[in-house]
């Protein structure tokens, strides 16, 4: 039996970032023995099927293969279709009423305690808001991520130290759910 997963690569193909062409990412995943490999956009989103049920081992294997192929480290998170759908379904904000650029999900490598963000005075960032979910954080940024003061505050080292985290806008969240369903 195989499971469908999404691989979420952190910090590639962005301004000044590490370059991983999507055709080569598909090749790396195929060489690792995965099937049904597809990518979405140029920002490190891939979908694949695997007989493994160990997301951590799948992520570690992909990280090692990318390091061998490109000569630099790329943090990866691997999440199964059920998790991705559950994150979308649990969104605490009215996603259907918002533009994709206004809503983001930051995926974490492990559960995050609310205490990490306790020093943030939420009222100072309104109308921007965030909520924690299952190994994720939902961010409502009405003017987009690029103008979000809350996103900057949430990304400070004291909040994310020791975590692997990568963010996707709502359009990408929805597309990955769609891609992993079929």
C-alpha atoms as a PDB file:
ATOM      1  CA  UNK A   1       0.000   0.000   0.000  1.00  0.00           C
ATOM      2  CA  UNK A   2       1.229   3.477  -0.791  1.00  0.00           C
ATOM      3  CA  UNK A   3       0.543   6.823   0.813  1.00  0.00           C
ATOM      4  CA  UNK A   4       0.430  10.167  -0.972  1.00  0.00           C
ATOM      5  CA  UNK A   5       2.626  12.880   0.502  1.00  0.00           C
ATOM      6  CA  UNK A   6       3.632  16.451  -0.122  1.00  0.00           C
ATOM      7  CA  UNK A   7       7.241  17.496   0.326  1.00  0.00           C
ATOM      8  CA  UNK A   8       7.585  21.104   1.424  1.00  0.00           C
ATOM      9  CA  UNK A   9      11.071  22.477   0.826  1.00  0.00           C
ATOM     10  CA  UNK A  10      12.161  25.519   2.781  1.00  0.00           C
ATOM     11  CA  UNK A  11      13.857  28.582   1.338  1.00  0.00           C
ATOM     12  CA  UNK A  12      14.484  27.560  -2.258  1.00  0.00           C
ATOM     13  CA  UNK A  13      14.071  29.510  -5.485  1.00  0.00           C
ATOM     14  CA  UNK A  14      13.456  32.795  -3.683  1.00  0.00           C
ATOM     15  CA  UNK A  15      15.451  35.987  -4.018  1.00  0.00           C
ATOM     16  CA  UNK A  16      19.001  35.214  -2.939  1.00  0.00           C
ATOM     17  CA  UNK A  17      18.013  31.673  -2.044  1.00  0.00           C
ATOM     18  CA  UNK A  18      19.147  28.256  -3.116  1.00  0.00           C
ATOM     19  CA  UNK A  19      18.152  27.124  -6.619  1.00  0.00           C
ATOM     20  CA  UNK A  20      16.472  23.749  -7.046  1.00  0.00           C
ATOM     21  CA  UNK A  21      14.895  23.383 -10.486  1.00  0.00           C
ATOM     22  CA  UNK A  22      11.581  21.546 -10.287  1.00  0.00           C
ATOM     23  CA  UNK A  23      12.495  19.007 -13.017  1.00  0.00           C
ATOM     24  CA  UNK A  24      15.537  18.041 -10.949  1.00  0.00           C
ATOM     25  CA  UNK A  25      13.444  17.810  -7.776  1.00  0.00           C
ATOM     26  CA  UNK A  26      11.127  15.410  -9.600  1.00  0.00           C
ATOM     27  CA  UNK A  27      14.154  13.381 -10.701  1.00  0.00           C
ATOM     28  CA  UNK A  28      15.533  13.230  -7.143  1.00  0.00           C
ATOM     29  CA  UNK A  29      12.193  12.013  -5.783  1.00  0.00           C
ATOM     30  CA  UNK A  30      11.895   9.405  -8.543  1.00  0.00           C
ATOM     31  CA  UNK A  31      15.460   8.205  -7.914  1.00  0.00           C
ATOM     32  CA  UNK A  32      14.492   7.735  -4.252  1.00  0.00           C
ATOM     33  CA  UNK A  33      11.916   5.214  -5.464  1.00  0.00           C
ATOM     34  CA  UNK A  34       8.813   7.378  -5.124  1.00  0.00           C
ATOM     35  CA  UNK A  35       6.030   7.260  -7.707  1.00  0.00           C
ATOM     36  CA  UNK A  36       3.415   9.675  -9.020  1.00  0.00           C
ATOM     37  CA  UNK A  37       5.846  12.557  -8.603  1.00  0.00           C
ATOM     38  CA  UNK A  38       4.589  16.037  -9.482  1.00  0.00           C
ATOM     39  CA  UNK A  39       5.635  19.550  -8.497  1.00  0.00           C
ATOM     40  CA  UNK A  40       3.668  22.728  -7.996  1.00  0.00           C
ATOM     41  CA  UNK A  41       5.086  26.177  -8.687  1.00  0.00           C
ATOM     42  CA  UNK A  42       8.810  26.835  -8.358  1.00  0.00           C
ATOM     43  CA  UNK A  43       8.901  27.252  -4.591  1.00  0.00           C
ATOM     44  CA  UNK A  44       9.558  23.693  -3.470  1.00  0.00           C
ATOM     45  CA  UNK A  45       6.257  21.855  -3.423  1.00  0.00           C
ATOM     46  CA  UNK A  46       6.230  18.255  -4.586  1.00  0.00           C
ATOM     47  CA  UNK A  47       3.692  15.471  -4.359  1.00  0.00           C
ATOM     48  CA  UNK A  48       4.628  11.787  -4.474  1.00  0.00           C
ATOM     49  CA  UNK A  49       3.558   8.316  -3.393  1.00  0.00           C
ATOM     50  CA  UNK A  50       5.606   6.052  -1.165  1.00  0.00           C
ATOM     51  CA  UNK A  51       5.242   2.730   0.618  1.00  0.00           C
ATOM     52  CA  UNK A  52       6.813   4.265   3.724  1.00  0.00           C
ATOM     53  CA  UNK A  53       4.690   5.545   6.588  1.00  0.00           C
ATOM     54  CA  UNK A  54       7.540   7.485   8.228  1.00  0.00           C
ATOM     55  CA  UNK A  55       7.340  11.177   7.327  1.00  0.00           C
ATOM     56  CA  UNK A  56      10.534  11.969   9.211  1.00  0.00           C
ATOM     57  CA  UNK A  57      12.545   9.318   7.377  1.00  0.00           C
ATOM     58  CA  UNK A  58      11.123  10.459   4.042  1.00  0.00           C
ATOM     59  CA  UNK A  59      12.110  14.059   4.791  1.00  0.00           C
ATOM     60  CA  UNK A  60      15.608  13.030   5.934  1.00  0.00           C
ATOM     61  CA  UNK A  61      16.117  10.919   2.817  1.00  0.00           C
ATOM     62  CA  UNK A  62      15.073  13.792   0.582  1.00  0.00           C
ATOM     63  CA  UNK A  63      17.328  16.229   2.442  1.00  0.00           C
ATOM     64  CA  UNK A  64      20.307  13.884   2.006  1.00  0.00           C
ATOM     65  CA  UNK A  65      19.575  13.363  -1.693  1.00  0.00           C
ATOM     66  CA  UNK A  66      19.256  17.115  -2.286  1.00  0.00           C
ATOM     67  CA  UNK A  67      22.540  17.777  -0.481  1.00  0.00           C
ATOM     68  CA  UNK A  68      24.287  15.180  -2.655  1.00  0.00           C
ATOM     69  CA  UNK A  69      22.716  16.544  -5.836  1.00  0.00           C
ATOM     70  CA  UNK A  70      23.105  20.300  -5.234  1.00  0.00           C
ATOM     71  CA  UNK A  71      25.855  20.589  -2.625  1.00  0.00           C
ATOM     72  CA  UNK A  72      23.821  22.539  -0.085  1.00  0.00           C
ATOM     73  CA  UNK A  73      21.344  21.797   2.680  1.00  0.00           C
ATOM     74  CA  UNK A  74      17.608  22.156   2.117  1.00  0.00           C
ATOM     75  CA  UNK A  75      15.224  21.688   5.023  1.00  0.00           C
ATOM     76  CA  UNK A  76      12.241  19.543   4.049  1.00  0.00           C
ATOM     77  CA  UNK A  77       8.970  18.643   5.676  1.00  0.00           C
ATOM     78  CA  UNK A  78       6.922  15.711   4.416  1.00  0.00           C
ATOM     79  CA  UNK A  79       3.216  15.517   5.253  1.00  0.00           C
ATOM     80  CA  UNK A  80       0.604  13.007   4.177  1.00  0.00           C
ATOM     81  CA  UNK A  81      -2.626  13.803   2.360  1.00  0.00           C
ATOM     82  CA  UNK A  82      -4.779  13.340   5.453  1.00  0.00           C
ATOM     83  CA  UNK A  83      -2.755  15.818   7.483  1.00  0.00           C
ATOM     84  CA  UNK A  84      -2.815  18.420   4.709  1.00  0.00           C
ATOM     85  CA  UNK A  85      -6.593  18.116   4.393  1.00  0.00           C
ATOM     86  CA  UNK A  86      -7.032  18.315   8.178  1.00  0.00           C
ATOM     87  CA  UNK A  87      -4.958  21.512   8.337  1.00  0.00           C
ATOM     88  CA  UNK A  88      -7.081  23.094   5.603  1.00  0.00           C
ATOM     89  CA  UNK A  89     -10.313  21.965   7.246  1.00  0.00           C
ATOM     90  CA  UNK A  90      -9.245  23.297  10.653  1.00  0.00           C
ATOM     91  CA  UNK A  91      -8.469  26.816   9.449  1.00  0.00           C
ATOM     92  CA  UNK A  92      -9.735  29.216  12.129  1.00  0.00           C
ATOM     93  CA  UNK A  93     -10.167  32.055   9.631  1.00  0.00           C
ATOM     94  CA  UNK A  94     -12.887  32.406   6.953  1.00  0.00           C
ATOM     95  CA  UNK A  95     -10.684  31.140   4.115  1.00  0.00           C
ATOM     96  CA  UNK A  96     -13.483  31.146   1.532  1.00  0.00           C
ATOM     97  CA  UNK A  97     -13.975  34.874   2.093  1.00  0.00           C
ATOM     98  CA  UNK A  98     -10.292  35.830   1.830  1.00  0.00           C
ATOM     99  CA  UNK A  99      -7.797  36.185  -0.989  1.00  0.00           C
ATOM    100  CA  UNK A 100      -5.072  33.551  -1.071  1.00  0.00           C
ATOM    101  CA  UNK A 101      -2.395  36.149  -0.345  1.00  0.00           C
ATOM    102  CA  UNK A 102      -4.134  37.128   2.909  1.00  0.00           C
ATOM    103  CA  UNK A 103      -3.964  33.731   4.565  1.00  0.00           C
ATOM    104  CA  UNK A 104      -0.877  31.613   5.179  1.00  0.00           C
ATOM    105  CA  UNK A 105       0.038  28.403   6.899  1.00  0.00           C
ATOM    106  CA  UNK A 106       3.445  27.854   8.429  1.00  0.00           C
ATOM    107  CA  UNK A 107       4.145  24.148   8.795  1.00  0.00           C
ATOM    108  CA  UNK A 108       6.441  23.059  11.630  1.00  0.00           C
ATOM    109  CA  UNK A 109       8.439  19.867  12.042  1.00  0.00           C
ATOM    110  CA  UNK A 110       6.812  19.200  15.423  1.00  0.00           C
ATOM    111  CA  UNK A 111       4.066  20.498  17.720  1.00  0.00           C
ATOM    112  CA  UNK A 112       4.587  24.048  18.932  1.00  0.00           C
ATOM    113  CA  UNK A 113       3.568  25.261  22.368  1.00  0.00           C
ATOM    114  CA  UNK A 114       1.732  28.592  22.560  1.00  0.00           C
ATOM    115  CA  UNK A 115       4.324  29.723  25.102  1.00  0.00           C
ATOM    116  CA  UNK A 116       6.775  30.335  22.257  1.00  0.00           C
ATOM    117  CA  UNK A 117       4.651  33.281  21.173  1.00  0.00           C
ATOM    118  CA  UNK A 118       3.415  34.463  24.576  1.00  0.00           C
ATOM    119  CA  UNK A 119       5.490  37.662  24.431  1.00  0.00           C
ATOM    120  CA  UNK A 120       3.634  38.925  21.354  1.00  0.00           C
ATOM    121  CA  UNK A 121       1.033  41.562  22.162  1.00  0.00           C
ATOM    122  CA  UNK A 122      -1.622  40.469  19.679  1.00  0.00           C
ATOM    123  CA  UNK A 123      -3.522  43.767  19.858  1.00  0.00           C
ATOM    124  CA  UNK A 124      -0.476  45.622  18.537  1.00  0.00           C
ATOM    125  CA  UNK A 125      -0.698  43.741  15.236  1.00  0.00           C
ATOM    126  CA  UNK A 126      -4.425  43.969  14.512  1.00  0.00           C
ATOM    127  CA  UNK A 127      -6.019  43.431  12.085  1.00  0.00           C
ATOM    128  CA  UNK A 128      -3.347  40.776  11.563  1.00  0.00           C
ATOM    129  CA  UNK A 129      -3.850  37.631  13.626  1.00  0.00           C
ATOM    130  CA  UNK A 130      -2.408  34.167  14.085  1.00  0.00           C
ATOM    131  CA  UNK A 131      -3.604  30.894  15.546  1.00  0.00           C
ATOM    132  CA  UNK A 132      -1.723  27.697  16.269  1.00  0.00           C
ATOM    133  CA  UNK A 133      -2.872  24.385  14.856  1.00  0.00           C
ATOM    134  CA  UNK A 134      -1.542  20.842  14.624  1.00  0.00           C
ATOM    135  CA  UNK A 135       2.160  21.361  13.846  1.00  0.00           C
ATOM    136  CA  UNK A 136       1.227  24.567  12.058  1.00  0.00           C
ATOM    137  CA  UNK A 137       0.445  28.227  12.464  1.00  0.00           C
ATOM    138  CA  UNK A 138      -2.285  30.073  10.572  1.00  0.00           C
ATOM    139  CA  UNK A 139      -1.570  33.713   9.759  1.00  0.00           C
ATOM    140  CA  UNK A 140      -4.154  36.214   8.594  1.00  0.00           C
ATOM    141  CA  UNK A 141      -2.331  39.136   6.978  1.00  0.00           C
ATOM    142  CA  UNK A 142      -4.874  41.300   5.123  1.00  0.00           C
ATOM    143  CA  UNK A 143      -2.186  43.286   3.269  1.00  0.00           C
ATOM    144  CA  UNK A 144      -0.188  40.200   2.324  1.00  0.00           C
ATOM    145  CA  UNK A 145       2.862  38.521   3.780  1.00  0.00           C
ATOM    146  CA  UNK A 146       5.314  41.044   2.337  1.00  0.00           C
ATOM    147  CA  UNK A 147       3.780  43.859   4.391  1.00  0.00           C
ATOM    148  CA  UNK A 148       3.039  41.842   7.506  1.00  0.00           C
ATOM    149  CA  UNK A 149       4.591  43.111  10.722  1.00  0.00           C
ATOM    150  CA  UNK A 150       3.183  40.104  12.535  1.00  0.00           C
ATOM    151  CA  UNK A 151       4.944  37.704  10.133  1.00  0.00           C
ATOM    152  CA  UNK A 152       8.241  39.418  10.921  1.00  0.00           C
ATOM    153  CA  UNK A 153       7.595  39.131  14.657  1.00  0.00           C
ATOM    154  CA  UNK A 154       6.558  35.475  14.397  1.00  0.00           C
ATOM    155  CA  UNK A 155       9.745  34.684  12.480  1.00  0.00           C
ATOM    156  CA  UNK A 156      12.115  36.096  15.079  1.00  0.00           C
ATOM    157  CA  UNK A 157      14.695  33.583  16.308  1.00  0.00           C
ATOM    158  CA  UNK A 158      13.260  33.462  19.829  1.00  0.00           C
ATOM    159  CA  UNK A 159       9.993  32.183  18.361  1.00  0.00           C
ATOM    160  CA  UNK A 160      11.284  29.663  15.841  1.00  0.00           C
ATOM    161  CA  UNK A 161      14.670  28.642  17.251  1.00  0.00           C
ATOM    162  CA  UNK A 162      15.173  24.914  16.884  1.00  0.00           C
ATOM    163  CA  UNK A 163      12.209  24.442  14.552  1.00  0.00           C
ATOM    164  CA  UNK A 164      12.075  23.626  10.887  1.00  0.00           C
ATOM    165  CA  UNK A 165       9.332  25.820   9.485  1.00  0.00           C
ATOM    166  CA  UNK A 166       8.105  26.697   6.020  1.00  0.00           C
ATOM    167  CA  UNK A 167       5.136  28.819   4.970  1.00  0.00           C
ATOM    168  CA  UNK A 168       2.654  28.568   2.116  1.00  0.00           C
ATOM    169  CA  UNK A 169      -0.103  30.926   1.052  1.00  0.00           C
ATOM    170  CA  UNK A 170      -3.661  29.642   1.109  1.00  0.00           C
ATOM    171  CA  UNK A 171      -3.782  29.066  -2.657  1.00  0.00           C
ATOM    172  CA  UNK A 172      -0.844  26.674  -2.330  1.00  0.00           C
ATOM    173  CA  UNK A 173      -2.348  25.007   0.755  1.00  0.00           C
ATOM    174  CA  UNK A 174      -5.531  24.283  -1.194  1.00  0.00           C
ATOM    175  CA  UNK A 175      -3.668  23.119  -4.305  1.00  0.00           C
ATOM    176  CA  UNK A 176      -1.537  20.683  -2.312  1.00  0.00           C
ATOM    177  CA  UNK A 177      -4.683  19.231  -0.741  1.00  0.00           C
ATOM    178  CA  UNK A 178      -6.141  18.771  -4.234  1.00  0.00           C
ATOM    179  CA  UNK A 179      -2.935  17.236  -5.593  1.00  0.00           C
ATOM    180  CA  UNK A 180      -2.611  14.738  -2.740  1.00  0.00           C
ATOM    181  CA  UNK A 181      -6.216  13.594  -2.993  1.00  0.00           C
ATOM    182  CA  UNK A 182      -5.874  12.072  -6.418  1.00  0.00           C
END
